[in-house]
Amino acid sequence: MEQDILKKFEAQDKKLDEIYRSVEKTRKYFLWTLIITLAMIILPLIGLIFVIPVFLQSLSLSSVGF
């Protein structure tokens, strides 16, 4: 009887280890997805902060010539 209980505990321990590894992989996947998503949104916005003033200045200079 005691042997059966020990075997069941060992089987549960193995399953818990597999679940833990799976959860860690999923957590890392979501973390990198968040980082990449933020980079794809934030970096273009930072670029626009520098590009828009130059674009507006070039528009204002070209309209003065007319």
N, C-alpha and C. Protein backbone atom coordinates (compact mmCIF):
# COMPACT_ATOMS: atom_id res chain seq x y z
N MET A 1 0.82 -1.19 0.00
CA MET A 1 0.00 0.00 0.00
C MET A 1 0.87 1.26 0.00
N GLU A 2 1.86 1.25 0.83
CA GLU A 2 2.75 2.41 0.92
C GLU A 2 3.53 2.62 -0.38
N GLN A 3 3.89 1.54 -1.03
CA GLN A 3 4.62 1.62 -2.30
C GLN A 3 3.76 2.28 -3.38
N ASP A 4 2.49 1.94 -3.40
CA ASP A 4 1.59 2.54 -4.40
C ASP A 4 1.48 4.04 -4.20
N ILE A 5 1.37 4.45 -2.95
CA ILE A 5 1.27 5.88 -2.66
C ILE A 5 2.56 6.59 -3.07
N LEU A 6 3.72 5.99 -2.79
CA LEU A 6 4.99 6.59 -3.19
C LEU A 6 5.11 6.70 -4.70
N LYS A 7 4.66 5.68 -5.40
CA LYS A 7 4.70 5.72 -6.87
C LYS A 7 3.80 6.82 -7.41
N LYS A 8 2.63 6.97 -6.80
CA LYS A 8 1.72 8.04 -7.24
C LYS A 8 2.33 9.41 -6.97
N PHE A 9 2.97 9.57 -5.82
CA PHE A 9 3.64 10.84 -5.51
C PHE A 9 4.74 11.14 -6.52
N GLU A 10 5.51 10.12 -6.88
CA GLU A 10 6.58 10.32 -7.86
C GLU A 10 6.01 10.69 -9.22
N ALA A 11 4.92 10.03 -9.59
CA ALA A 11 4.28 10.35 -10.88
C ALA A 11 3.75 11.78 -10.87
N GLN A 12 3.15 12.20 -9.77
CA GLN A 12 2.65 13.56 -9.67
C GLN A 12 3.80 14.56 -9.69
N ASP A 13 4.90 14.22 -9.06
CA ASP A 13 6.06 15.11 -9.05
C ASP A 13 6.60 15.30 -10.47
N LYS A 14 6.65 14.23 -11.24
CA LYS A 14 7.12 14.34 -12.62
C LYS A 14 6.17 15.21 -13.44
N LYS A 15 4.88 15.01 -13.24
CA LYS A 15 3.91 15.82 -13.98
C LYS A 15 4.00 17.28 -13.59
N LEU A 16 4.20 17.56 -12.32
CA LEU A 16 4.35 18.95 -11.88
C LEU A 16 5.59 19.59 -12.49
N ASP A 17 6.67 18.83 -12.60
CA ASP A 17 7.89 19.36 -13.24
C ASP A 17 7.63 19.68 -14.70
N GLU A 18 6.90 18.83 -15.40
CA GLU A 18 6.58 19.08 -16.80
C GLU A 18 5.69 20.31 -16.94
N ILE A 19 4.73 20.45 -16.04
CA ILE A 19 3.85 21.62 -16.07
C ILE A 19 4.65 22.89 -15.81
N TYR A 20 5.56 22.83 -14.86
CA TYR A 20 6.39 24.00 -14.55
C TYR A 20 7.23 24.41 -15.76
N ARG A 21 7.84 23.46 -16.43
CA ARG A 21 8.64 23.78 -17.63
C ARG A 21 7.77 24.39 -18.71
N SER A 22 6.58 23.84 -18.88
CA SER A 22 5.66 24.37 -19.90
C SER A 22 5.22 25.79 -19.57
N VAL A 23 4.93 26.03 -18.31
CA VAL A 23 4.51 27.37 -17.89
C VAL A 23 5.65 28.37 -18.08
N GLU A 24 6.86 27.99 -17.76
CA GLU A 24 8.00 28.88 -17.93
C GLU A 24 8.23 29.21 -19.41
N LYS A 25 8.08 28.22 -20.28
CA LYS A 25 8.23 28.49 -21.71
C LYS A 25 7.16 29.45 -22.19
N THR A 26 5.93 29.25 -21.71
CA THR A 26 4.83 30.14 -22.10
C THR A 26 5.06 31.55 -21.57
N ARG A 27 5.55 31.67 -20.35
CA ARG A 27 5.83 32.98 -19.77
C ARG A 27 6.89 33.71 -20.57
N LYS A 28 7.95 33.01 -20.95
CA LYS A 28 9.00 33.64 -21.75
C LYS A 28 8.48 34.05 -23.13
N TYR A 29 7.62 33.22 -23.71
CA TYR A 29 7.03 33.54 -25.01
C TYR A 29 6.22 34.82 -24.91
N PHE A 30 5.38 34.93 -23.89
CA PHE A 30 4.57 36.14 -23.72
C PHE A 30 5.44 37.36 -23.42
N LEU A 31 6.49 37.18 -22.66
CA LEU A 31 7.39 38.29 -22.35
C LEU A 31 8.02 38.84 -23.63
N TRP A 32 8.56 37.95 -24.47
CA TRP A 32 9.19 38.40 -25.71
C TRP A 32 8.17 38.98 -26.67
N THR A 33 6.95 38.44 -26.67
CA THR A 33 5.90 39.01 -27.51
C THR A 33 5.58 40.43 -27.07
N LEU A 34 5.52 40.66 -25.76
CA LEU A 34 5.27 42.00 -25.23
C LEU A 34 6.41 42.95 -25.59
N ILE A 35 7.64 42.50 -25.43
CA ILE A 35 8.79 43.35 -25.75
C ILE A 35 8.81 43.72 -27.23
N ILE A 36 8.58 42.76 -28.09
CA ILE A 36 8.60 43.03 -29.54
C ILE A 36 7.44 43.94 -29.93
N THR A 37 6.27 43.70 -29.35
CA THR A 37 5.12 44.55 -29.65
C THR A 37 5.37 45.99 -29.23
N LEU A 38 5.90 46.17 -28.02
CA LEU A 38 6.20 47.53 -27.57
C LEU A 38 7.25 48.19 -28.44
N ALA A 39 8.25 47.43 -28.86
CA ALA A 39 9.30 47.99 -29.72
C ALA A 39 8.72 48.41 -31.06
N MET A 40 7.79 47.65 -31.58
CA MET A 40 7.19 47.98 -32.87
C MET A 40 6.26 49.19 -32.78
N ILE A 41 5.79 49.51 -31.59
CA ILE A 41 4.92 50.68 -31.42
C ILE A 41 5.72 51.89 -30.96
N ILE A 42 6.59 51.71 -29.98
CA ILE A 42 7.32 52.83 -29.38
C ILE A 42 8.39 53.39 -30.32
N LEU A 43 9.16 52.54 -30.95
CA LEU A 43 10.25 53.03 -31.82
C LEU A 43 9.74 53.88 -32.98
N PRO A 44 8.69 53.49 -33.68
CA PRO A 44 8.18 54.39 -34.73
C PRO A 44 7.66 55.72 -34.17
N LEU A 45 7.06 55.69 -32.98
CA LEU A 45 6.60 56.95 -32.39
C LEU A 45 7.77 57.88 -32.07
N ILE A 46 8.85 57.31 -31.56
CA ILE A 46 10.04 58.12 -31.29
C ILE A 46 10.59 58.68 -32.60
N GLY A 47 10.60 57.87 -33.64
CA GLY A 47 11.06 58.34 -34.94
C GLY A 47 10.19 59.47 -35.48
N LEU A 48 8.88 59.37 -35.25
CA LEU A 48 7.98 60.43 -35.72
C LEU A 48 8.21 61.74 -34.99
N ILE A 49 8.63 61.66 -33.74
CA ILE A 49 8.92 62.89 -32.98
C ILE A 49 10.01 63.69 -33.68
N PHE A 50 10.97 63.02 -34.30
CA PHE A 50 12.05 63.72 -34.99
C PHE A 50 11.71 64.04 -36.44
N VAL A 51 10.90 63.22 -37.07
CA VAL A 51 10.62 63.40 -38.50
C VAL A 51 9.56 64.47 -38.74
N ILE A 52 8.54 64.53 -37.92
CA ILE A 52 7.44 65.47 -38.15
C ILE A 52 7.90 66.93 -38.16
N PRO A 53 8.73 67.37 -37.20
CA PRO A 53 9.18 68.78 -37.28
C PRO A 53 9.98 69.09 -38.55
N VAL A 54 10.80 68.16 -38.97
CA VAL A 54 11.58 68.38 -40.20
C VAL A 54 10.64 68.46 -41.40
N PHE A 55 9.65 67.59 -41.43
CA PHE A 55 8.68 67.58 -42.51
C PHE A 55 7.87 68.88 -42.53
N LEU A 56 7.42 69.32 -41.38
CA LEU A 56 6.66 70.56 -41.31
C LEU A 56 7.51 71.76 -41.71
N GLN A 57 8.76 71.75 -41.32
CA GLN A 57 9.65 72.85 -41.69
C GLN A 57 9.86 72.87 -43.19
N SER A 58 10.06 71.72 -43.79
CA SER A 58 10.25 71.68 -45.25
C SER A 58 8.96 72.10 -45.97
N LEU A 59 7.80 71.79 -45.42
CA LEU A 59 6.55 72.25 -46.03
C LEU A 59 6.41 73.76 -45.94
N SER A 60 6.75 74.30 -44.80
CA SER A 60 6.62 75.75 -44.63
C SER A 60 7.62 76.50 -45.52
N LEU A 61 8.81 75.94 -45.70
CA LEU A 61 9.81 76.58 -46.56
C LEU A 61 9.39 76.51 -48.02
N SER A 62 8.79 75.39 -48.44
CA SER A 62 8.40 75.27 -49.83
C SER A 62 7.18 76.12 -50.16
N SER A 63 6.32 76.36 -49.18
CA SER A 63 5.13 77.18 -49.46
C SER A 63 5.49 78.68 -49.52
N VAL A 64 6.59 79.08 -48.90
CA VAL A 64 7.03 80.47 -48.93
C VAL A 64 7.47 80.85 -50.35
N GLY A 65 8.02 79.90 -51.07
CA GLY A 65 8.52 80.18 -52.42
C GLY A 65 7.44 80.49 -53.41
N PHE A 66 6.21 80.12 -53.15
CA PHE A 66 5.13 80.36 -54.12
C PHE A 66 4.64 81.73 -54.01
